[in-house]
Amino acid sequence: MKIFTTLALALFVSFSSLAQINPAEKQALVDIYTQTNGDSWTNSWDIKKSPKSWKGVVILNDKVIALTLTDNNLTGTLPKSIGDLANLKVLNLHKNHIEGAIPESITEIKGLKVLNISFNKLEGNLPSHLTDLASLEYLDLFFNNLTGQLPNDLGALTNLRRLSLYSNNFYGPLPASIENLKKLRDIQISSNSFDGALPFGIASLDSLKKLSIFDNNFSGNFPDVLNTFNLQELAYQNNKFNTDTMIAVSDD
């Protein structure tokens, strides 16, 4: 009996070391596959096999930490259950054909550092609790059909390094709280309908390297001090500033 018990325990430990991911996480992946027509993906999944074999899925310690499905012909919409990928650090769905709104549930992924759903067909407003993603470092939503205003508490995303929202339909002012984003290097919000005065607090962002705000409706005085910062990119033409000057774009 002791031998049997010892053997059973050893087998239990062995099987535990091969444990699968949380069922909710697996179901969320299956839902993404189903709602974005996984059978038609460029690189599809065999959902009868382990998620560890699915291309673009990174699993560490039985937790899904990254999902990268760039340029993979995803069509359809994102499921609400995407919020069940609670351990995700990177979500990169760049250059697909995803439609509909960004699910509000995505803001439940508190450790998310990279959110890239750029170059899709997304519509609607940003999730209302977007600023709950306090770990977010890269927010890339450019080339979509998103609309609405940016949250007034945008400055709560204190780890943000890149804000890339160009070529959408956003409007309204750029929140003054942006001056709290001390790690921000890139602001790329051109080709929208932003308006109002540009927050002068932008000039206090010591990490800023790129500021691209052209083709909007900003007005008032442009913070001329930004012209002395030797930014890698500075473009603010086609606005309504008191002095609307064409700035050369440079990449060093």
Protein backbone atom coordinates (compact mmCIF):
# COMPACT_ATOMS: atom_id res chain seq x y z
CA MET A 1 0.00 0.00 0.00
CA LYS A 2 2.85 2.39 0.85
CA ILE A 3 4.47 1.65 -2.50
CA PHE A 4 1.17 2.33 -4.29
CA THR A 5 0.66 5.59 -2.40
CA THR A 6 4.20 6.74 -3.17
CA LEU A 7 3.77 5.91 -6.84
CA ALA A 8 0.42 7.69 -7.00
CA LEU A 9 1.93 10.77 -5.35
CA ALA A 10 4.84 10.77 -7.79
CA LEU A 11 2.46 10.57 -10.73
CA PHE A 12 0.36 13.40 -9.28
CA VAL A 13 3.42 15.64 -8.95
CA SER A 14 4.50 14.71 -12.48
CA PHE A 15 1.13 15.54 -13.98
CA SER A 16 0.91 18.74 -11.92
CA SER A 17 4.16 19.95 -13.47
CA LEU A 18 2.43 19.66 -16.85
CA ALA A 19 -0.70 21.44 -15.70
CA GLN A 20 -2.70 23.31 -18.31
CA ILE A 21 -3.53 26.99 -18.23
CA ASN A 22 -6.52 28.22 -16.28
CA PRO A 23 -9.76 27.10 -18.02
CA ALA A 24 -11.01 30.70 -18.18
CA GLU A 25 -7.86 31.79 -20.00
CA LYS A 26 -8.12 28.90 -22.45
CA GLN A 27 -11.77 29.70 -23.11
CA ALA A 28 -10.89 33.35 -23.73
CA LEU A 29 -8.36 32.26 -26.37
CA VAL A 30 -10.94 29.95 -27.95
CA ASP A 31 -13.46 32.81 -27.96
CA ILE A 32 -10.96 35.08 -29.72
CA TYR A 33 -10.34 32.32 -32.27
CA THR A 34 -14.07 31.79 -32.82
CA GLN A 35 -15.16 35.44 -32.99
CA THR A 36 -12.35 36.45 -35.34
CA ASN A 37 -12.88 33.54 -37.73
CA GLY A 38 -9.83 31.54 -36.73
CA ASP A 39 -10.32 29.01 -39.52
CA SER A 40 -9.48 31.81 -41.97
CA TRP A 41 -6.40 33.12 -40.16
CA THR A 42 -3.15 33.15 -42.06
CA ASN A 43 -1.65 31.08 -39.25
CA SER A 44 -4.52 29.22 -37.65
CA TRP A 45 -4.70 27.16 -34.44
CA ASP A 46 -5.56 23.55 -33.92
CA ILE A 47 -7.80 24.12 -30.92
CA LYS A 48 -7.84 20.38 -30.23
CA LYS A 49 -4.20 20.67 -29.20
CA SER A 50 -2.65 22.38 -26.19
CA PRO A 51 -2.56 26.21 -26.23
CA LYS A 52 1.20 25.86 -25.85
CA SER A 53 1.29 24.87 -29.53
CA TRP A 54 -0.80 27.82 -30.72
CA LYS A 55 1.20 30.36 -32.70
CA GLY A 56 1.40 33.75 -31.04
CA VAL A 57 0.50 32.49 -27.57
CA VAL A 58 3.22 32.80 -24.94
CA ILE A 59 2.71 30.82 -21.74
CA LEU A 60 4.86 31.09 -18.64
CA ASN A 61 4.19 29.08 -15.48
CA ASP A 62 0.85 27.99 -16.95
CA LYS A 63 -0.25 31.59 -17.46
CA VAL A 64 -0.85 33.33 -20.78
CA ILE A 65 1.43 36.35 -20.69
CA ALA A 66 1.45 37.42 -24.35
CA LEU A 67 -0.79 37.16 -27.39
CA THR A 68 0.71 38.33 -30.67
CA LEU A 69 -1.35 37.82 -33.83
CA THR A 70 -0.09 40.58 -36.10
CA ASP A 71 -1.04 40.61 -39.80
CA ASN A 72 -2.92 37.32 -39.39
CA ASN A 73 -6.24 38.05 -41.13
CA LEU A 74 -8.36 38.29 -38.00
CA THR A 75 -11.90 39.39 -38.90
CA GLY A 76 -14.95 39.90 -36.72
CA THR A 77 -15.01 41.31 -33.19
CA LEU A 78 -13.17 40.82 -29.93
CA PRO A 79 -15.04 38.87 -27.24
CA LYS A 80 -15.90 40.18 -23.80
CA SER A 81 -14.03 37.22 -22.34
CA ILE A 82 -10.72 38.75 -23.46
CA GLY A 83 -10.71 40.29 -19.99
CA ASP A 84 -10.23 36.79 -18.56
CA LEU A 85 -6.63 36.81 -19.83
CA ALA A 86 -5.77 38.21 -16.43
CA ASN A 87 -2.01 37.61 -16.65
CA LEU A 88 -1.47 39.16 -20.06
CA LYS A 89 1.42 41.60 -20.44
CA VAL A 90 1.35 42.00 -24.23
CA LEU A 91 -1.67 42.10 -26.55
CA ASN A 92 -0.60 42.78 -30.12
CA LEU A 93 -3.24 42.45 -32.85
CA HIS A 94 -1.73 44.97 -35.26
CA LYS A 95 -2.79 44.97 -38.91
CA ASN A 96 -5.88 42.82 -39.06
CA HIS A 97 -9.56 43.44 -39.89
CA ILE A 98 -11.09 43.53 -36.41
CA GLU A 99 -14.34 45.46 -36.17
CA GLY A 100 -16.59 46.71 -33.40
CA ALA A 101 -15.64 48.36 -30.14
CA ILE A 102 -12.73 47.66 -27.83
CA PRO A 103 -14.31 45.52 -25.09
CA GLU A 104 -14.60 47.31 -21.75
CA SER A 105 -13.41 44.08 -20.13
CA ILE A 106 -9.92 44.66 -21.52
CA THR A 107 -9.40 47.13 -18.67
CA GLU A 108 -9.58 44.20 -16.24
CA ILE A 109 -6.13 43.06 -17.38
CA LYS A 110 -4.35 45.16 -14.78
CA GLY A 111 -0.80 44.07 -15.63
CA LEU A 112 -1.06 44.85 -19.35
CA LYS A 113 2.00 46.73 -20.60
CA VAL A 114 1.48 46.68 -24.39
CA LEU A 115 -1.89 47.24 -26.05
CA ASN A 116 -1.57 47.34 -29.82
CA ILE A 117 -4.75 46.99 -31.87
CA SER A 118 -3.61 49.42 -34.55
CA PHE A 119 -4.43 49.18 -38.25
CA ASN A 120 -7.82 47.53 -37.83
CA LYS A 121 -11.45 48.63 -38.25
CA LEU A 122 -12.33 49.37 -34.64
CA GLU A 123 -15.17 51.79 -33.90
CA GLY A 124 -16.70 53.52 -30.91
CA ASN A 125 -15.17 55.16 -27.86
CA LEU A 126 -12.23 54.13 -25.76
CA PRO A 127 -13.11 51.88 -22.80
CA SER A 128 -14.41 54.09 -19.99
CA HIS A 129 -11.97 52.60 -17.48
CA LEU A 130 -8.92 52.73 -19.74
CA THR A 131 -6.89 54.57 -17.11
CA ASP A 132 -7.26 51.59 -14.77
CA LEU A 133 -4.44 50.03 -16.83
CA ALA A 134 -1.80 51.59 -14.61
CA SER A 135 0.99 49.33 -15.94
CA LEU A 136 0.41 50.32 -19.57
CA GLU A 137 3.56 51.46 -21.39
CA TYR A 138 2.55 51.37 -25.06
CA LEU A 139 -0.92 52.30 -26.35
CA ASP A 140 -1.10 51.88 -30.12
CA LEU A 141 -4.54 52.34 -31.67
CA PHE A 142 -3.65 54.22 -34.86
CA PHE A 143 -5.43 53.67 -38.18
CA ASN A 144 -8.88 52.76 -36.89
CA ASN A 145 -12.28 54.48 -36.79
CA LEU A 146 -12.31 55.20 -33.07
CA THR A 147 -14.02 58.33 -31.81
CA GLY A 148 -14.84 60.26 -28.63
CA GLN A 149 -12.67 62.23 -26.24
CA LEU A 150 -9.63 61.19 -24.29
CA PRO A 151 -10.23 60.69 -20.55
CA ASN A 152 -9.50 63.70 -18.38
CA ASP A 153 -7.45 61.49 -16.07
CA LEU A 154 -5.17 60.32 -18.89
CA GLY A 155 -2.29 61.35 -16.64
CA ALA A 156 -3.06 58.37 -14.41
CA LEU A 157 -1.22 56.18 -16.93
CA THR A 158 2.07 57.20 -15.36
CA ASN A 159 4.08 54.38 -16.99
CA LEU A 160 3.03 55.31 -20.51
CA ARG A 161 5.89 55.69 -22.98
CA ARG A 162 4.00 55.92 -26.27
CA LEU A 163 0.56 57.29 -27.09
CA SER A 164 -0.15 56.52 -30.74
CA LEU A 165 -3.70 57.38 -31.82
CA TYR A 166 -3.22 58.97 -35.23
CA SER A 167 -5.71 58.54 -38.09
CA ASN A 168 -8.87 58.08 -36.06
CA ASN A 169 -11.86 60.32 -35.30
CA PHE A 170 -11.01 61.51 -31.79
CA TYR A 171 -12.08 65.03 -30.86
CA GLY A 172 -12.04 67.45 -27.96
CA PRO A 173 -9.05 68.74 -25.98
CA LEU A 174 -5.85 66.99 -25.08
CA PRO A 175 -6.22 66.54 -21.30
CA ALA A 176 -4.07 68.83 -19.16
CA SER A 177 -3.20 65.79 -17.03
CA ILE A 178 -0.89 64.63 -19.82
CA GLU A 179 1.80 66.64 -18.02
CA ASN A 180 1.88 63.84 -15.42
CA LEU A 181 3.17 61.32 -17.97
CA LYS A 182 6.84 61.87 -17.18
CA LYS A 183 7.96 58.71 -19.02
CA LEU A 184 6.17 59.64 -22.24
CA ARG A 185 8.49 59.62 -25.25
CA ASP A 186 6.09 59.60 -28.21
CA ILE A 187 2.84 61.50 -28.70
CA GLN A 188 1.40 60.64 -32.10
CA ILE A 189 -2.16 61.93 -32.43
CA SER A 190 -2.18 63.50 -35.90
CA SER A 191 -5.10 63.26 -38.33
CA ASN A 192 -7.92 63.44 -35.81
CA SER A 193 -10.24 66.28 -34.77
CA PHE A 194 -8.63 67.33 -31.48
CA ASP A 195 -9.24 70.98 -30.62
CA GLY A 196 -8.67 73.60 -27.97
CA ALA A 197 -5.36 74.82 -26.64
CA LEU A 198 -2.40 72.50 -26.44
CA PRO A 199 -1.54 71.95 -22.76
CA PHE A 200 1.63 73.90 -22.00
CA GLY A 201 2.50 71.14 -19.56
CA ILE A 202 3.72 69.15 -22.56
CA ALA A 203 6.83 71.30 -22.41
CA SER A 204 7.64 69.76 -19.01
CA LEU A 205 7.87 66.22 -20.38
CA ASP A 206 11.62 65.68 -20.22
CA SER A 207 11.47 62.26 -21.89
CA LEU A 208 9.59 63.49 -24.96
CA LYS A 209 11.26 62.65 -28.29
CA LYS A 210 8.38 62.76 -30.77
CA LEU A 211 5.40 65.09 -30.94
CA SER A 212 3.18 64.65 -33.98
CA ILE A 213 -0.13 66.54 -33.77
CA PHE A 214 -0.58 67.80 -37.34
CA ASP A 215 -3.95 67.79 -39.11
CA ASN A 216 -6.15 68.62 -36.11
CA ASN A 217 -8.01 71.70 -34.88
CA PHE A 218 -5.74 72.82 -32.05
CA SER A 219 -5.82 76.57 -31.47
CA GLY A 220 -4.27 79.24 -29.28
CA ASN A 221 -0.53 79.62 -28.84
CA PHE A 222 1.85 76.81 -29.61
CA PRO A 223 4.46 76.29 -26.83
CA ASP A 224 7.41 77.70 -28.78
CA VAL A 225 9.83 76.30 -26.23
CA LEU A 226 9.25 72.90 -27.85
CA ASN A 227 11.14 74.17 -30.89
CA THR A 228 14.28 74.30 -28.76
CA PHE A 229 14.03 70.70 -27.52
CA ASN A 230 15.75 69.12 -30.53
CA LEU A 231 13.06 66.49 -30.76
CA GLN A 232 13.47 63.64 -33.20
CA GLU A 233 10.07 64.53 -34.63
CA LEU A 234 8.01 67.69 -34.24
CA ALA A 235 5.07 68.29 -36.58
CA TYR A 236 2.12 70.55 -35.84
CA GLN A 237 1.06 72.00 -39.21
CA ASN A 238 -2.58 72.11 -40.35
CA ASN A 239 -4.00 73.29 -37.04
CA LYS A 240 -5.41 76.66 -35.97
CA PHE A 241 -2.57 77.94 -33.84
CA ASN A 242 -2.01 81.69 -33.76
CA THR A 243 1.23 81.01 -35.58
CA ASP A 244 0.76 77.85 -37.61
CA THR A 245 4.23 77.03 -38.91
CA MET A 246 5.34 74.03 -40.90
CA ILE A 247 7.95 72.14 -38.92
CA ALA A 248 10.42 69.87 -40.60
CA VAL A 249 10.30 66.28 -39.48
CA SER A 250 13.64 64.76 -38.63
CA ASP A 251 14.77 61.36 -37.42
CA ASP A 252 18.28 61.22 -36.04
